[in-house]
C-alpha atoms as a PDB file:
ATOM      1  CA  MET A   1     140.518  55.792  32.971  1.00  0.00           C
ATOM      2  CA  SER A   2     137.534  55.790  30.327  1.00  0.00           C
ATOM      3  CA  PHE A   3     137.362  59.604  30.949  1.00  0.00           C
ATOM      4  CA  TYR A   4     141.198  59.602  29.659  1.00  0.00           C
ATOM      5  CA  PHE A   5     139.962  57.076  26.667  1.00  0.00           C
ATOM      6  CA  PRO A   6     140.296  59.877  23.810  1.00  0.00           C
ATOM      7  CA  HIS A   7     143.504  61.384  25.318  1.00  0.00           C
ATOM      8  CA  LEU A   8     145.463  57.782  24.994  1.00  0.00           C
ATOM      9  CA  LEU A   9     144.436  57.533  21.338  1.00  0.00           C
ATOM     10  CA  ALA A  10     145.735  60.647  20.606  1.00  0.00           C
ATOM     11  CA  ALA A  11     148.869  60.090  22.477  1.00  0.00           C
ATOM     12  CA  VAL A  12     149.380  56.247  20.819  1.00  0.00           C
ATOM     13  CA  TYR A  13     148.856  58.270  17.430  1.00  0.00           C
ATOM     14  CA  LEU A  14     151.083  61.016  18.093  1.00  0.00           C
ATOM     15  CA  VAL A  15     154.229  58.840  18.408  1.00  0.00           C
ATOM     16  CA  PHE A  16     152.958  56.131  15.899  1.00  0.00           C
ATOM     17  CA  SER A  17     152.787  59.206  13.269  1.00  0.00           C
ATOM     18  CA  ILE A  18     156.015  60.304  14.310  1.00  0.00           C
ATOM     19  CA  ALA A  19     157.321  56.755  13.527  1.00  0.00           C
ATOM     20  CA  LEU A  20     155.818  56.486  10.373  1.00  0.00           C
ATOM     21  CA  GLY A  21     156.698  60.248   8.800  1.00  0.00           C
ATOM     22  CA  ILE A  22     160.279  59.032   8.983  1.00  0.00           C
ATOM     23  CA  ALA A  23     161.680  57.930   5.419  1.00  0.00           C
ATOM     24  CA  PRO A  24     157.953  57.181   3.862  1.00  0.00           C
ATOM     25  CA  VAL A  25     158.056  55.459   0.626  1.00  0.00           C
ATOM     26  CA  SER A  26     157.225  58.598  -1.554  1.00  0.00           C
ATOM     27  CA  ARG A  27     157.592  61.785   0.255  1.00  0.00           C
ATOM     28  CA  GLU A  28     155.390  63.488  -2.280  1.00  0.00           C
ATOM     29  CA  VAL A  29     152.642  60.742  -1.067  1.00  0.00           C
ATOM     30  CA  TRP A  30     153.222  60.641   2.667  1.00  0.00           C
ATOM     31  CA  VAL A  31     152.387  64.813   2.414  1.00  0.00           C
ATOM     32  CA  ALA A  32     149.451  64.437   0.672  1.00  0.00           C
ATOM     33  CA  GLU A  33     147.873  61.505   2.622  1.00  0.00           C
ATOM     34  CA  ILE A  34     148.485  62.991   5.973  1.00  0.00           C
ATOM     35  CA  ILE A  35     147.020  66.334   5.372  1.00  0.00           C
ATOM     36  CA  PRO A  36     143.257  64.970   5.700  1.00  0.00           C
ATOM     37  CA  VAL A  37     144.662  62.882   8.463  1.00  0.00           C
ATOM     38  CA  LEU A  38     146.050  65.783  10.780  1.00  0.00           C
ATOM     39  CA  LEU A  39     142.742  68.032   9.356  1.00  0.00           C
ATOM     40  CA  ILE A  40     140.936  65.461  11.244  1.00  0.00           C
ATOM     41  CA  PHE A  41     143.100  65.127  13.877  1.00  0.00           C
ATOM     42  CA  THR A  42     143.695  68.547  14.512  1.00  0.00           C
ATOM     43  CA  PHE A  43     139.460  69.211  14.471  1.00  0.00           C
ATOM     44  CA  LEU A  44     138.645  66.334  17.556  1.00  0.00           C
ATOM     45  CA  VAL A  45     142.026  68.074  19.693  1.00  0.00           C
ATOM     46  CA  LEU A  46     139.900  71.429  19.383  1.00  0.00           C
ATOM     47  CA  THR A  47     136.675  70.638  19.637  1.00  0.00           C
ATOM     48  CA  TYR A  48     136.975  68.187  22.248  1.00  0.00           C
ATOM     49  CA  ARG A  49     135.923  70.545  25.546  1.00  0.00           C
ATOM     50  CA  GLN A  50     132.919  71.900  23.549  1.00  0.00           C
ATOM     51  CA  PHE A  51     132.305  68.130  22.427  1.00  0.00           C
ATOM     52  CA  ARG A  52     133.010  64.713  23.738  1.00  0.00           C
ATOM     53  CA  PHE A  53     131.748  61.614  21.881  1.00  0.00           C
ATOM     54  CA  SER A  54     131.487  58.025  23.153  1.00  0.00           C
ATOM     55  CA  ASN A  55     134.593  56.003  23.369  1.00  0.00           C
ATOM     56  CA  LEU A  56     133.508  53.623  20.965  1.00  0.00           C
ATOM     57  CA  ALA A  57     132.549  56.607  18.576  1.00  0.00           C
ATOM     58  CA  TYR A  58     136.310  57.925  18.871  1.00  0.00           C
ATOM     59  CA  ALA A  59     137.715  54.394  18.737  1.00  0.00           C
ATOM     60  CA  LEU A  60     136.283  53.755  15.025  1.00  0.00           C
ATOM     61  CA  VAL A  61     137.473  56.997  14.141  1.00  0.00           C
ATOM     62  CA  PHE A  62     140.970  56.123  15.042  1.00  0.00           C
ATOM     63  CA  ILE A  63     140.992  53.180  13.403  1.00  0.00           C
ATOM     64  CA  TRP A  64     140.696  55.089   9.836  1.00  0.00           C
ATOM     65  CA  ILE A  65     143.404  57.861  11.298  1.00  0.00           C
ATOM     66  CA  PHE A  66     145.817  54.628  12.099  1.00  0.00           C
ATOM     67  CA  TRP A  67     144.746  53.051   8.546  1.00  0.00           C
ATOM     68  CA  HIS A  68     145.450  56.077   6.382  1.00  0.00           C
ATOM     69  CA  THR A  69     148.887  56.998   8.166  1.00  0.00           C
ATOM     70  CA  ILE A  70     149.978  53.743   7.223  1.00  0.00           C
ATOM     71  CA  GLY A  71     148.984  53.905   3.768  1.00  0.00           C
ATOM     72  CA  GLY A  72     150.637  57.124   3.369  1.00  0.00           C
ATOM     73  CA  HIS A  73     153.977  55.963   4.742  1.00  0.00           C
ATOM     74  CA  TYR A  74     154.101  52.491   2.252  1.00  0.00           C
ATOM     75  CA  THR A  75     151.557  54.200  -0.350  1.00  0.00           C
ATOM     76  CA  PHE A  76     148.216  52.213  -0.572  1.00  0.00           C
ATOM     77  CA  ALA A  77     149.493  49.997  -3.110  1.00  0.00           C
ATOM     78  CA  ASN A  78     152.018  48.846  -1.305  1.00  0.00           C
ATOM     79  CA  VAL A  79     151.519  48.379   2.144  1.00  0.00           C
ATOM     80  CA  PRO A  80     152.441  44.545   3.216  1.00  0.00           C
ATOM     81  CA  PHE A  81     149.211  42.918   2.800  1.00  0.00           C
ATOM     82  CA  GLY A  82     149.963  40.326   0.629  1.00  0.00           C
ATOM     83  CA  TRP A  83     148.601  37.620   3.255  1.00  0.00           C
ATOM     84  CA  VAL A  84     144.890  39.374   2.510  1.00  0.00           C
ATOM     85  CA  SER A  85     145.350  38.911  -1.523  1.00  0.00           C
ATOM     86  CA  ASP A  86     146.294  35.414  -0.597  1.00  0.00           C
ATOM     87  CA  LEU A  87     143.489  34.689   1.772  1.00  0.00           C
ATOM     88  CA  ILE A  88     140.426  35.640  -0.886  1.00  0.00           C
ATOM     89  CA  GLY A  89     142.941  34.710  -4.380  1.00  0.00           C
ATOM     90  CA  SER A  90     143.304  38.396  -5.450  1.00  0.00           C
ATOM     91  CA  GLU A  91     146.521  39.785  -7.253  1.00  0.00           C
ATOM     92  CA  ARG A  92     145.078  43.508  -6.207  1.00  0.00           C
ATOM     93  CA  ASN A  93     146.364  44.763  -2.440  1.00  0.00           C
ATOM     94  CA  HIS A  94     142.869  45.370  -0.684  1.00  0.00           C
ATOM     95  CA  PHE A  95     144.608  47.692   2.016  1.00  0.00           C
ATOM     96  CA  ASP A  96     143.185  50.744   0.583  1.00  0.00           C
ATOM     97  CA  ARG A  97     140.038  49.353   0.085  1.00  0.00           C
ATOM     98  CA  VAL A  98     139.459  48.319   3.825  1.00  0.00           C
ATOM     99  CA  GLY A  99     140.896  52.106   4.396  1.00  0.00           C
ATOM    100  CA  HIS A 100     137.787  53.469   2.727  1.00  0.00           C
ATOM    101  CA  PHE A 101     135.345  50.901   4.540  1.00  0.00           C
ATOM    102  CA  VAL A 102     136.578  52.036   7.750  1.00  0.00           C
ATOM    103  CA  ILE A 103     135.940  55.716   6.678  1.00  0.00           C
ATOM    104  CA  GLY A 104     132.530  54.779   6.407  1.00  0.00           C
ATOM    105  CA  PHE A 105     132.981  54.020  10.194  1.00  0.00           C
ATOM    106  CA  TYR A 106     132.503  58.222  10.556  1.00  0.00           C
ATOM    107  CA  ALA A 107     128.819  57.969  10.311  1.00  0.00           C
ATOM    108  CA  TYR A 108     128.463  56.622  13.671  1.00  0.00           C
ATOM    109  CA  ALA A 109     130.171  59.696  15.272  1.00  0.00           C
ATOM    110  CA  MET A 110     127.934  62.013  12.857  1.00  0.00           C
ATOM    111  CA  ALA A 111     124.794  60.311  14.197  1.00  0.00           C
ATOM    112  CA  GLU A 112     125.623  60.663  17.602  1.00  0.00           C
ATOM    113  CA  TRP A 113     126.589  64.128  17.120  1.00  0.00           C
ATOM    114  CA  LEU A 114     123.043  64.984  15.455  1.00  0.00           C
ATOM    115  CA  LEU A 115     121.243  63.655  17.818  1.00  0.00           C
ATOM    116  CA  ARG A 116     123.025  64.570  21.276  1.00  0.00           C
ATOM    117  CA  LYS A 117     122.649  67.784  20.001  1.00  0.00           C
ATOM    118  CA  GLN A 118     119.111  67.102  19.268  1.00  0.00           C
ATOM    119  CA  TYR A 119     119.492  68.074  15.422  1.00  0.00           C
ATOM    120  CA  CYS A 120     116.909  66.071  14.154  1.00  0.00           C
ATOM    121  CA  GLY A 121     115.184  62.572  14.737  1.00  0.00           C
ATOM    122  CA  PHE A 122     116.536  59.052  14.814  1.00  0.00           C
ATOM    123  CA  LYS A 123     115.965  58.388  11.672  1.00  0.00           C
ATOM    124  CA  LEU A 124     116.898  61.439   9.752  1.00  0.00           C
ATOM    125  CA  ALA A 125     120.250  60.793  11.788  1.00  0.00           C
ATOM    126  CA  LEU A 126     120.494  57.878  10.200  1.00  0.00           C
ATOM    127  CA  ILE A 127     119.747  58.640   6.912  1.00  0.00           C
ATOM    128  CA  PHE A 128     122.208  62.168   6.805  1.00  0.00           C
ATOM    129  CA  SER A 129     125.196  60.134   8.591  1.00  0.00           C
ATOM    130  CA  LEU A 130     125.043  57.355   5.422  1.00  0.00           C
ATOM    131  CA  PHE A 131     124.294  60.052   2.652  1.00  0.00           C
ATOM    132  CA  PHE A 132     127.213  62.390   3.933  1.00  0.00           C
ATOM    133  CA  ILE A 133     130.147  59.534   4.463  1.00  0.00           C
ATOM    134  CA  MET A 134     128.463  58.968   0.304  1.00  0.00           C
ATOM    135  CA  SER A 135     129.203  62.322  -0.441  1.00  0.00           C
ATOM    136  CA  ILE A 136     132.726  62.682   1.259  1.00  0.00           C
ATOM    137  CA  ALA A 137     133.222  59.858  -0.497  1.00  0.00           C
ATOM    138  CA  ALA A 138     132.645  60.935  -4.132  1.00  0.00           C
ATOM    139  CA  ALA A 139     134.201  63.959  -3.030  1.00  0.00           C
ATOM    140  CA  TYR A 140     137.578  62.214  -2.367  1.00  0.00           C
ATOM    141  CA  GLU A 141     137.686  60.781  -5.588  1.00  0.00           C
ATOM    142  CA  ILE A 142     137.443  63.588  -7.339  1.00  0.00           C
ATOM    143  CA  VAL A 143     140.376  64.967  -5.107  1.00  0.00           C
ATOM    144  CA  GLU A 144     142.371  62.119  -5.922  1.00  0.00           C
ATOM    145  CA  TRP A 145     141.969  62.280  -9.571  1.00  0.00           C
ATOM    146  CA  TRP A 146     142.475  66.019  -9.299  1.00  0.00           C
ATOM    147  CA  TYR A 147     146.035  65.103  -7.647  1.00  0.00           C
ATOM    148  CA  ALA A 148     146.907  62.444  -9.777  1.00  0.00           C
ATOM    149  CA  VAL A 149     146.475  64.608 -12.697  1.00  0.00           C
ATOM    150  CA  ALA A 150     148.183  67.417 -11.208  1.00  0.00           C
ATOM    151  CA  GLN A 151     150.890  65.577 -10.011  1.00  0.00           C
ATOM    152  CA  GLY A 152     151.571  63.169 -12.178  1.00  0.00           C
ATOM    153  CA  GLY A 153     154.341  60.550 -12.616  1.00  0.00           C
ATOM    154  CA  ASP A 154     154.588  57.940  -9.883  1.00  0.00           C
ATOM    155  CA  ALA A 155     153.248  60.034  -6.988  1.00  0.00           C
ATOM    156  CA  GLY A 156     149.987  60.903  -9.245  1.00  0.00           C
ATOM    157  CA  VAL A 157     149.631  57.099  -9.607  1.00  0.00           C
ATOM    158  CA  GLU A 158     150.763  56.000  -6.362  1.00  0.00           C
ATOM    159  CA  PHE A 159     148.163  58.478  -4.479  1.00  0.00           C
ATOM    160  CA  LEU A 160     145.568  57.254  -6.975  1.00  0.00           C
ATOM    161  CA  GLY A 161     146.033  53.937  -5.930  1.00  0.00           C
ATOM    162  CA  SER A 162     143.719  52.651  -8.418  1.00  0.00           C
ATOM    163  CA  GLN A 163     146.188  49.329  -9.415  1.00  0.00           C
ATOM    164  CA  GLY A 164     145.110  49.607 -13.165  1.00  0.00           C
ATOM    165  CA  ASP A 165     141.424  48.955 -12.205  1.00  0.00           C
ATOM    166  CA  ILE A 166     138.879  51.274 -14.078  1.00  0.00           C
ATOM    167  CA  TRP A 167     136.334  51.000 -11.472  1.00  0.00           C
ATOM    168  CA  ASP A 168     138.366  51.634  -8.721  1.00  0.00           C
ATOM    169  CA  ALA A 169     136.518  54.808  -7.931  1.00  0.00           C
ATOM    170  CA  GLN A 170     132.973  53.096  -8.041  1.00  0.00           C
ATOM    171  CA  LYS A 171     134.262  50.170  -5.909  1.00  0.00           C
ATOM    172  CA  ASP A 172     135.842  52.500  -3.225  1.00  0.00           C
ATOM    173  CA  MET A 173     132.842  54.743  -3.231  1.00  0.00           C
ATOM    174  CA  LEU A 174     131.041  51.093  -2.459  1.00  0.00           C
ATOM    175  CA  SER A 175     133.235  50.819   0.208  1.00  0.00           C
ATOM    176  CA  ASP A 176     132.290  53.339   2.036  1.00  0.00           C
ATOM    177  CA  THR A 177     128.861  52.998   1.715  1.00  0.00           C
ATOM    178  CA  LEU A 178     129.152  49.715   3.399  1.00  0.00           C
ATOM    179  CA  GLY A 179     131.449  50.901   6.016  1.00  0.00           C
ATOM    180  CA  ALA A 180     128.877  53.937   7.303  1.00  0.00           C
ATOM    181  CA  ILE A 181     125.732  51.221   7.137  1.00  0.00           C
ATOM    182  CA  THR A 182     128.010  48.396   9.571  1.00  0.00           C
ATOM    183  CA  SER A 183     128.603  51.713  11.595  1.00  0.00           C
ATOM    184  CA  LEU A 184     125.043  52.775  11.787  1.00  0.00           C
ATOM    185  CA  PHE A 185     123.871  49.591  12.227  1.00  0.00           C
ATOM    186  CA  LEU A 186     126.254  49.121  15.560  1.00  0.00           C
ATOM    187  CA  PHE A 187     125.253  52.659  16.369  1.00  0.00           C
ATOM    188  CA  TYR A 188     121.571  51.222  16.358  1.00  0.00           C
ATOM    189  CA  PHE A 189     122.619  48.489  19.190  1.00  0.00           C
ATOM    190  CA  THR A 190     124.202  50.869  21.131  1.00  0.00           C
ATOM    191  CA  ARG A 191     122.725  54.085  21.391  1.00  0.00           C
ATOM    192  CA  PRO A 192     125.221  56.644  22.568  1.00  0.00           C
ATOM    193  CA  ASP A 193     122.676  59.251  22.554  1.00  0.00           C
ATOM    194  CA  LYS A 194     121.024  57.986  25.195  1.00  0.00           C
ATOM    195  CA  ASN A 195     124.103  57.118  27.558  1.00  0.00           C
ATOM    196  CA  GLU A 196     123.770  60.020  30.340  1.00  0.00           C
ATOM    197  CA  SER A 197     127.212  59.977  31.268  1.00  0.00           C
ATOM    198  CA  ILE A 198     128.334  61.285  28.084  1.00  0.00           C
ATOM    199  CA  ASN A 199     125.205  63.791  27.566  1.00  0.00           C
ATOM    200  CA  THR A 200     126.188  66.119  30.954  1.00  0.00           C
END
């Protein structure tokens, strides 16, 4: 059953994405948000036979895939996430901030790939994986800005998702970085690269 865990995740996500693709709040925003998700999902499917990640790596990767698909359906600023805002006494919808935190979990898979392929040593793998996430975070903020300017109107504003915070981009990048650090701590204690059952 453990061997089929990625297949189960993929099957559940296909049903999930089809359901949330029906009548999204904004079709324009949904299309823009679902493109990176489908690219990553397709990449994982196509490369599965060449490189199978650990089940924990797949689980961490799919957290963002599911999370981002929800954000695409509602638009990130309008996901029903008010209970969290109420809990911490904030007026802002923090669904997107959590989404940035969990994308940092991709550092786990990156470190696993680098070490199992023996491209570098342990410390360098952790450093590179952290910098990889930080670079992706910065690049994505530029893409968000570009799309918001090019699209304009409500769709541009909803895709940007800053909710009036002039420091939104910087806080998003910090969230990405903290998520990466968290996942790398987890990697340090689990060390999937030493698991013989997935390395063979």
